[in-house]
Structure formats: structure tokens, C-alpha cells
C-alpha atoms as a PDB file:
ATOM      1  CA  UNK A   1      -7.345  11.438  15.428  1.00  0.00           C
ATOM      2  CA  UNK A   2      -5.016  10.198  12.718  1.00  0.00           C
ATOM      3  CA  UNK A   3      -6.408   7.190  10.902  1.00  0.00           C
ATOM      4  CA  UNK A   4      -5.300   5.048   8.005  1.00  0.00           C
ATOM      5  CA  UNK A   5      -7.739   2.288   7.160  1.00  0.00           C
ATOM      6  CA  UNK A   6      -6.964  -0.392   4.605  1.00  0.00           C
ATOM      7  CA  UNK A   7      -9.653  -2.276   2.743  1.00  0.00           C
ATOM      8  CA  UNK A   8     -10.015  -4.516  -0.269  1.00  0.00           C
ATOM      9  CA  UNK A   9      -8.051  -7.542   0.836  1.00  0.00           C
ATOM     10  CA  UNK A  10      -9.335 -11.064   0.580  1.00  0.00           C
ATOM     11  CA  UNK A  11      -8.863 -14.436  -1.032  1.00  0.00           C
ATOM     12  CA  UNK A  12      -8.130 -14.536  -4.742  1.00  0.00           C
ATOM     13  CA  UNK A  13      -6.969 -17.159  -7.217  1.00  0.00           C
ATOM     14  CA  UNK A  14      -3.515 -16.949  -8.755  1.00  0.00           C
ATOM     15  CA  UNK A  15      -3.664 -14.708 -11.782  1.00  0.00           C
ATOM     16  CA  UNK A  16      -6.474 -12.660 -10.311  1.00  0.00           C
ATOM     17  CA  UNK A  17      -6.669  -9.058  -9.200  1.00  0.00           C
ATOM     18  CA  UNK A  18      -7.497  -7.012  -6.137  1.00  0.00           C
ATOM     19  CA  UNK A  19      -7.651  -3.312  -5.471  1.00  0.00           C
ATOM     20  CA  UNK A  20      -6.604  -2.160  -2.029  1.00  0.00           C
ATOM     21  CA  UNK A  21      -7.686   1.173  -0.604  1.00  0.00           C
ATOM     22  CA  UNK A  22      -6.061   3.277   2.101  1.00  0.00           C
ATOM     23  CA  UNK A  23      -8.502   5.841   3.448  1.00  0.00           C
ATOM     24  CA  UNK A  24      -6.832   8.493   5.578  1.00  0.00           C
ATOM     25  CA  UNK A  25      -7.919  11.252   7.937  1.00  0.00           C
ATOM     26  CA  UNK A  26      -6.551  13.453  10.707  1.00  0.00           C
ATOM     27  CA  UNK A  27      -3.495  14.817   8.908  1.00  0.00           C
ATOM     28  CA  UNK A  28      -2.680  17.008   5.939  1.00  0.00           C
ATOM     29  CA  UNK A  29      -2.852  14.453   3.172  1.00  0.00           C
ATOM     30  CA  UNK A  30      -1.155  16.651   0.553  1.00  0.00           C
ATOM     31  CA  UNK A  31       1.966  16.999   2.731  1.00  0.00           C
ATOM     32  CA  UNK A  32       2.626  13.263   2.952  1.00  0.00           C
ATOM     33  CA  UNK A  33       3.776  10.279   0.991  1.00  0.00           C
ATOM     34  CA  UNK A  34       1.689   7.130   1.317  1.00  0.00           C
ATOM     35  CA  UNK A  35       3.430   3.795   1.102  1.00  0.00           C
ATOM     36  CA  UNK A  36       2.196   0.241   0.882  1.00  0.00           C
ATOM     37  CA  UNK A  37       4.080  -2.435   2.800  1.00  0.00           C
ATOM     38  CA  UNK A  38       3.502  -6.118   3.265  1.00  0.00           C
ATOM     39  CA  UNK A  39       4.542  -8.792   5.698  1.00  0.00           C
ATOM     40  CA  UNK A  40       4.304 -12.515   5.125  1.00  0.00           C
ATOM     41  CA  UNK A  41       4.697 -15.060   7.945  1.00  0.00           C
ATOM     42  CA  UNK A  42       8.336 -15.441   8.931  1.00  0.00           C
ATOM     43  CA  UNK A  43       9.485 -12.540   6.773  1.00  0.00           C
ATOM     44  CA  UNK A  44      10.345  -8.914   7.407  1.00  0.00           C
ATOM     45  CA  UNK A  45       7.961  -6.170   6.489  1.00  0.00           C
ATOM     46  CA  UNK A  46       8.905  -4.898   3.053  1.00  0.00           C
ATOM     47  CA  UNK A  47       8.065  -1.916   0.936  1.00  0.00           C
ATOM     48  CA  UNK A  48       5.783  -2.614  -2.010  1.00  0.00           C
ATOM     49  CA  UNK A  49       4.967   0.770  -3.479  1.00  0.00           C
ATOM     50  CA  UNK A  50       4.809   4.434  -2.566  1.00  0.00           C
ATOM     51  CA  UNK A  51       3.478   7.680  -3.932  1.00  0.00           C
ATOM     52  CA  UNK A  52       4.191  11.187  -2.719  1.00  0.00           C
ATOM     53  CA  UNK A  53       1.395  13.717  -2.726  1.00  0.00           C
ATOM     54  CA  UNK A  54       4.046  16.421  -3.167  1.00  0.00           C
ATOM     55  CA  UNK A  55       5.052  15.372  -6.671  1.00  0.00           C
ATOM     56  CA  UNK A  56       2.936  12.321  -7.503  1.00  0.00           C
ATOM     57  CA  UNK A  57       5.949  10.185  -8.340  1.00  0.00           C
ATOM     58  CA  UNK A  58       5.341   6.458  -7.858  1.00  0.00           C
ATOM     59  CA  UNK A  59       7.811   3.828  -6.713  1.00  0.00           C
ATOM     60  CA  UNK A  60       7.567   0.043  -6.920  1.00  0.00           C
ATOM     61  CA  UNK A  61       9.480  -2.871  -5.567  1.00  0.00           C
ATOM     62  CA  UNK A  62      11.045  -4.959  -8.317  1.00  0.00           C
ATOM     63  CA  UNK A  63       8.849  -7.891  -7.335  1.00  0.00           C
ATOM     64  CA  UNK A  64       5.649  -6.023  -8.228  1.00  0.00           C
ATOM     65  CA  UNK A  65       6.771  -3.711 -11.000  1.00  0.00           C
ATOM     66  CA  UNK A  66       4.541  -4.099 -14.024  1.00  0.00           C
ATOM     67  CA  UNK A  67       1.802  -5.828 -12.024  1.00  0.00           C
ATOM     68  CA  UNK A  68       0.826  -3.274  -9.370  1.00  0.00           C
ATOM     69  CA  UNK A  69      -0.212   0.336  -9.829  1.00  0.00           C
ATOM     70  CA  UNK A  70      -0.418   2.931  -7.082  1.00  0.00           C
ATOM     71  CA  UNK A  71      -2.604   6.012  -7.350  1.00  0.00           C
ATOM     72  CA  UNK A  72      -3.754   8.845  -5.121  1.00  0.00           C
ATOM     73  CA  UNK A  73      -7.126  10.582  -5.012  1.00  0.00           C
ATOM     74  CA  UNK A  74      -6.513  13.845  -3.202  1.00  0.00           C
ATOM     75  CA  UNK A  75     -10.207  14.741  -3.139  1.00  0.00           C
ATOM     76  CA  UNK A  76     -10.890  11.600  -1.108  1.00  0.00           C
ATOM     77  CA  UNK A  77      -7.618  11.501   0.860  1.00  0.00           C
ATOM     78  CA  UNK A  78      -7.301   7.936  -0.355  1.00  0.00           C
ATOM     79  CA  UNK A  79      -4.517   5.933  -1.977  1.00  0.00           C
ATOM     80  CA  UNK A  80      -5.158   2.798  -3.995  1.00  0.00           C
ATOM     81  CA  UNK A  81      -3.047  -0.174  -4.946  1.00  0.00           C
ATOM     82  CA  UNK A  82      -4.259  -2.051  -7.993  1.00  0.00           C
ATOM     83  CA  UNK A  83      -2.806  -5.554  -7.843  1.00  0.00           C
ATOM     84  CA  UNK A  84      -2.913  -7.648 -11.014  1.00  0.00           C
ATOM     85  CA  UNK A  85      -1.619 -11.071 -11.988  1.00  0.00           C
ATOM     86  CA  UNK A  86      -1.309 -12.088  -8.365  1.00  0.00           C
ATOM     87  CA  UNK A  87       0.812 -15.047  -7.318  1.00  0.00           C
ATOM     88  CA  UNK A  88       1.264 -16.963  -4.091  1.00  0.00           C
ATOM     89  CA  UNK A  89       4.338 -14.815  -3.405  1.00  0.00           C
ATOM     90  CA  UNK A  90       1.994 -11.865  -2.909  1.00  0.00           C
ATOM     91  CA  UNK A  91       0.248 -13.481   0.065  1.00  0.00           C
ATOM     92  CA  UNK A  92       0.789 -11.202   3.058  1.00  0.00           C
ATOM     93  CA  UNK A  93      -0.787  -8.649   5.328  1.00  0.00           C
ATOM     94  CA  UNK A  94      -0.719  -5.345   3.483  1.00  0.00           C
ATOM     95  CA  UNK A  95      -0.294  -2.083   5.378  1.00  0.00           C
ATOM     96  CA  UNK A  96      -0.435   1.511   4.319  1.00  0.00           C
ATOM     97  CA  UNK A  97       1.586   4.175   6.072  1.00  0.00           C
ATOM     98  CA  UNK A  98       2.302   7.899   5.848  1.00  0.00           C
ATOM     99  CA  UNK A  99       5.669   9.646   5.796  1.00  0.00           C
ATOM    100  CA  UNK A 100       6.149  13.400   5.749  1.00  0.00           C
ATOM    101  CA  UNK A 101       6.731  14.823   2.272  1.00  0.00           C
ATOM    102  CA  UNK A 102       8.514  12.058   0.404  1.00  0.00           C
ATOM    103  CA  UNK A 103       8.678   8.315  -0.049  1.00  0.00           C
ATOM    104  CA  UNK A 104      11.142   7.223   2.592  1.00  0.00           C
ATOM    105  CA  UNK A 105      12.829   4.287   4.304  1.00  0.00           C
ATOM    106  CA  UNK A 106      10.361   2.328   6.402  1.00  0.00           C
ATOM    107  CA  UNK A 107      11.482   3.788   9.730  1.00  0.00           C
ATOM    108  CA  UNK A 108      10.435   7.279   8.665  1.00  0.00           C
ATOM    109  CA  UNK A 109       6.751   6.425   8.308  1.00  0.00           C
ATOM    110  CA  UNK A 110       4.965   7.984  11.248  1.00  0.00           C
ATOM    111  CA  UNK A 111       1.374   6.759  10.820  1.00  0.00           C
ATOM    112  CA  UNK A 112       0.270   3.210  10.086  1.00  0.00           C
ATOM    113  CA  UNK A 113      -2.906   1.330   9.386  1.00  0.00           C
ATOM    114  CA  UNK A 114      -3.724  -2.034  10.898  1.00  0.00           C
ATOM    115  CA  UNK A 115      -3.436  -3.999   7.684  1.00  0.00           C
ATOM    116  CA  UNK A 116      -5.573  -6.109   5.405  1.00  0.00           C
ATOM    117  CA  UNK A 117      -4.959  -9.751   4.563  1.00  0.00           C
ATOM    118  CA  UNK A 118      -4.316 -10.757   0.964  1.00  0.00           C
ATOM    119  CA  UNK A 119      -4.279 -14.480   0.268  1.00  0.00           C
ATOM    120  CA  UNK A 120      -3.548 -15.848  -3.185  1.00  0.00           C
ATOM    121  CA  UNK A 121      -4.476 -19.475  -3.794  1.00  0.00           C
ATOM    122  CA  UNK A 122      -3.559 -21.866  -6.584  1.00  0.00           C
END
């Protein structure tokens, strides 16, 4: 059974930090890219960050560049998203997803987690 399970979300004050985890199983982790996406109420789901386990190259949305860091632990089949200097604009449900080989447009991600809520308060 393919599983992607997010954890680490919660309520944090503006300026604070969270680390999200995406624990995966049931597929060949090294053959996939893992992306983080988020969806706020009334908004479309958007890409936040991605890392390919083929080349390790990270990508970031402009809105999080310099604040978020993505990393992959191949021994644990887990991808992390370190989120620093959080603002209210970061409030959303965060999802991780897997696409074959490379970071890709959102429609190419074949496996998805159920999401974890991140709420940033003033």
C-alpha cells in the first residue's frame, strides 16, 4: 500500500518555525520527486517546494524562498520541510506528494498524503 503521511503541523506564532515531515512507504522512494503543496481556504492548491531523489535538486516558490528548506532522508524514506519566519500568509493545509523521477507540474503527482494543518497566529 502506498502511503504518504504528513506530520509536524500545528499552531505557531508569527515569526516562529515548524518542521513538517512526509513519511513514505509502498513505492521506490529513490525513483521519485517529493513535493510540498499547500491550500488555504478559498485558494487553489499551490506548489511550495520540491526535491527530486534522482538528483537532489531543490525548488522553492518565490513566496517561501529564503525561509523554507526542503531535505530528503533516503534511509528513512522521509522528506522534511523546515519552515522559518512564518507569517499569516503561510496558514494552509500542507500536503506532500510524489511524482515519478522529477519535480513536476501538480497534475503529474501520482500519490498524495492527506495533509497537515499549519496555522500562524499574530
